[in-house]
Amino acid sequence: MAEYEVDTRADEDDIAPFLRVPIEELRRQVYESYEGWLRGERTYTTDEIKKMRPEWT
């Protein structure tokens, strides 16, 4: 028989921040980003984001 640990607030600290966001919020962000892309708003490639990452910290 397997025993499972009860979820606690301490367990949540181990979860990546983007996984703590409700799925509805993630969907809204994706749709908003996609609609912006359709309007021609500036988006960044993965390589551009990797280059910018050190500036964020």
N, C-alpha and C. Protein backbone atom coordinates (compact mmCIF):
# COMPACT_ATOMS: atom_id res chain seq x y z
N MET A 1 0.84 -1.18 0.00
CA MET A 1 0.00 0.00 0.00
C MET A 1 0.89 1.25 0.00
N ALA A 2 0.60 2.17 -0.89
CA ALA A 2 1.39 3.39 -1.00
C ALA A 2 0.80 4.46 -0.10
N GLU A 3 1.69 5.22 0.51
CA GLU A 3 1.26 6.34 1.34
C GLU A 3 1.59 7.62 0.62
N TYR A 4 0.67 8.56 0.67
CA TYR A 4 0.88 9.82 -0.01
C TYR A 4 0.89 10.94 1.02
N GLU A 5 1.77 11.87 0.79
CA GLU A 5 1.91 13.01 1.68
C GLU A 5 0.78 14.01 1.40
N VAL A 6 0.29 14.63 2.44
CA VAL A 6 -0.75 15.65 2.30
C VAL A 6 -0.12 16.90 1.70
N ASP A 7 -0.80 17.50 0.73
CA ASP A 7 -0.29 18.74 0.13
C ASP A 7 -0.23 19.84 1.17
N THR A 8 0.84 20.55 1.19
CA THR A 8 1.02 21.67 2.12
C THR A 8 1.51 22.88 1.36
N ARG A 9 1.49 24.01 2.02
CA ARG A 9 2.00 25.25 1.41
C ARG A 9 3.48 25.09 1.08
N ALA A 10 4.22 24.36 1.87
CA ALA A 10 5.64 24.15 1.61
C ALA A 10 5.84 23.42 0.29
N ASP A 11 4.93 22.52 -0.05
CA ASP A 11 5.04 21.80 -1.32
C ASP A 11 4.87 22.76 -2.50
N GLU A 12 4.04 23.76 -2.33
CA GLU A 12 3.77 24.70 -3.41
C GLU A 12 5.01 25.52 -3.76
N ASP A 13 5.93 25.69 -2.81
CA ASP A 13 7.15 26.46 -3.09
C ASP A 13 8.04 25.75 -4.09
N ASP A 14 7.86 24.45 -4.24
CA ASP A 14 8.65 23.68 -5.19
C ASP A 14 8.08 23.72 -6.60
N ILE A 15 6.92 24.31 -6.77
CA ILE A 15 6.24 24.33 -8.06
C ILE A 15 6.68 25.57 -8.84
N ALA A 16 6.93 25.39 -10.12
CA ALA A 16 7.30 26.53 -10.97
C ALA A 16 6.18 27.57 -10.91
N PRO A 17 6.55 28.86 -10.85
CA PRO A 17 5.53 29.92 -10.70
C PRO A 17 4.44 29.88 -11.77
N PHE A 18 4.80 29.56 -13.02
CA PHE A 18 3.77 29.57 -14.07
C PHE A 18 2.77 28.44 -13.90
N LEU A 19 3.11 27.42 -13.11
CA LEU A 19 2.17 26.33 -12.88
C LEU A 19 1.17 26.66 -11.77
N ARG A 20 1.43 27.71 -11.00
CA ARG A 20 0.52 28.12 -9.94
C ARG A 20 -0.63 28.97 -10.48
N VAL A 21 -0.51 29.42 -11.74
CA VAL A 21 -1.52 30.27 -12.35
C VAL A 21 -2.67 29.39 -12.83
N PRO A 22 -3.91 29.79 -12.57
CA PRO A 22 -5.06 29.01 -13.05
C PRO A 22 -5.03 28.87 -14.57
N ILE A 23 -5.51 27.77 -15.08
CA ILE A 23 -5.49 27.51 -16.52
C ILE A 23 -6.25 28.58 -17.30
N GLU A 24 -7.28 29.14 -16.72
CA GLU A 24 -8.03 30.20 -17.40
C GLU A 24 -7.16 31.42 -17.65
N GLU A 25 -6.32 31.75 -16.67
CA GLU A 25 -5.40 32.89 -16.81
C GLU A 25 -4.35 32.60 -17.88
N LEU A 26 -3.83 31.37 -17.91
CA LEU A 26 -2.86 31.01 -18.94
C LEU A 26 -3.47 31.09 -20.33
N ARG A 27 -4.71 30.62 -20.46
CA ARG A 27 -5.40 30.71 -21.75
C ARG A 27 -5.58 32.17 -22.17
N ARG A 28 -5.97 33.02 -21.23
CA ARG A 28 -6.16 34.43 -21.53
C ARG A 28 -4.85 35.04 -22.03
N GLN A 29 -3.74 34.71 -21.38
CA GLN A 29 -2.45 35.25 -21.79
C GLN A 29 -2.07 34.77 -23.19
N VAL A 30 -2.32 33.50 -23.47
CA VAL A 30 -1.99 32.97 -24.79
C VAL A 30 -2.84 33.64 -25.87
N TYR A 31 -4.14 33.73 -25.64
CA TYR A 31 -5.02 34.37 -26.63
C TYR A 31 -4.65 35.83 -26.82
N GLU A 32 -4.35 36.52 -25.74
CA GLU A 32 -3.98 37.93 -25.83
C GLU A 32 -2.69 38.09 -26.64
N SER A 33 -1.73 37.23 -26.39
CA SER A 33 -0.47 37.27 -27.13
C SER A 33 -0.70 36.97 -28.61
N TYR A 34 -1.51 35.97 -28.89
CA TYR A 34 -1.78 35.59 -30.27
C TYR A 34 -2.51 36.70 -31.01
N GLU A 35 -3.49 37.31 -30.36
CA GLU A 35 -4.23 38.40 -30.99
C GLU A 35 -3.31 39.59 -31.25
N GLY A 36 -2.38 39.85 -30.33
CA GLY A 36 -1.41 40.91 -30.54
C GLY A 36 -0.52 40.60 -31.74
N TRP A 37 -0.13 39.35 -31.86
CA TRP A 37 0.69 38.93 -33.00
C TRP A 37 -0.08 39.13 -34.31
N LEU A 38 -1.38 38.81 -34.31
CA LEU A 38 -2.19 39.01 -35.51
C LEU A 38 -2.29 40.49 -35.88
N ARG A 39 -2.28 41.36 -34.86
CA ARG A 39 -2.35 42.81 -35.12
C ARG A 39 -1.00 43.37 -35.54
N GLY A 40 0.05 42.54 -35.51
CA GLY A 40 1.37 42.99 -35.93
C GLY A 40 2.20 43.56 -34.80
N GLU A 41 1.77 43.35 -33.56
CA GLU A 41 2.57 43.84 -32.43
C GLU A 41 3.87 43.05 -32.35
N ARG A 42 4.88 43.68 -31.80
CA ARG A 42 6.21 43.09 -31.73
C ARG A 42 6.23 41.86 -30.85
N THR A 43 6.80 40.78 -31.37
CA THR A 43 7.03 39.57 -30.58
C THR A 43 8.51 39.25 -30.66
N TYR A 44 8.98 38.39 -29.78
CA TYR A 44 10.40 38.06 -29.71
C TYR A 44 10.62 36.58 -29.99
N THR A 45 11.74 36.28 -30.63
CA THR A 45 12.11 34.89 -30.86
C THR A 45 12.70 34.32 -29.58
N THR A 46 12.81 33.01 -29.52
CA THR A 46 13.41 32.37 -28.35
C THR A 46 14.84 32.84 -28.14
N ASP A 47 15.59 32.99 -29.21
CA ASP A 47 16.98 33.46 -29.09
C ASP A 47 17.05 34.88 -28.54
N GLU A 48 16.14 35.75 -29.00
CA GLU A 48 16.12 37.12 -28.48
C GLU A 48 15.80 37.13 -26.99
N ILE A 49 14.88 36.30 -26.58
CA ILE A 49 14.52 36.23 -25.16
C ILE A 49 15.69 35.73 -24.33
N LYS A 50 16.40 34.73 -24.82
CA LYS A 50 17.57 34.21 -24.09
C LYS A 50 18.63 35.29 -23.92
N LYS A 51 18.81 36.14 -24.93
CA LYS A 51 19.78 37.22 -24.85
C LYS A 51 19.34 38.29 -23.87
N MET A 52 18.02 38.52 -23.76
CA MET A 52 17.49 39.55 -22.88
C MET A 52 17.44 39.10 -21.42
N ARG A 53 17.40 37.80 -21.17
CA ARG A 53 17.19 37.25 -19.83
C ARG A 53 18.16 37.83 -18.79
N PRO A 54 19.48 37.96 -19.08
CA PRO A 54 20.38 38.53 -18.05
C PRO A 54 20.01 39.95 -17.62
N GLU A 55 19.37 40.70 -18.52
CA GLU A 55 18.96 42.06 -18.18
C GLU A 55 17.83 42.06 -17.16
N TRP A 56 17.04 41.00 -17.08
CA TRP A 56 15.90 40.95 -16.18
C TRP A 56 16.30 40.70 -14.75
N THR A 57 17.49 40.14 -14.53
CA THR A 57 17.88 39.81 -13.14
C THR A 57 18.73 40.88 -12.53
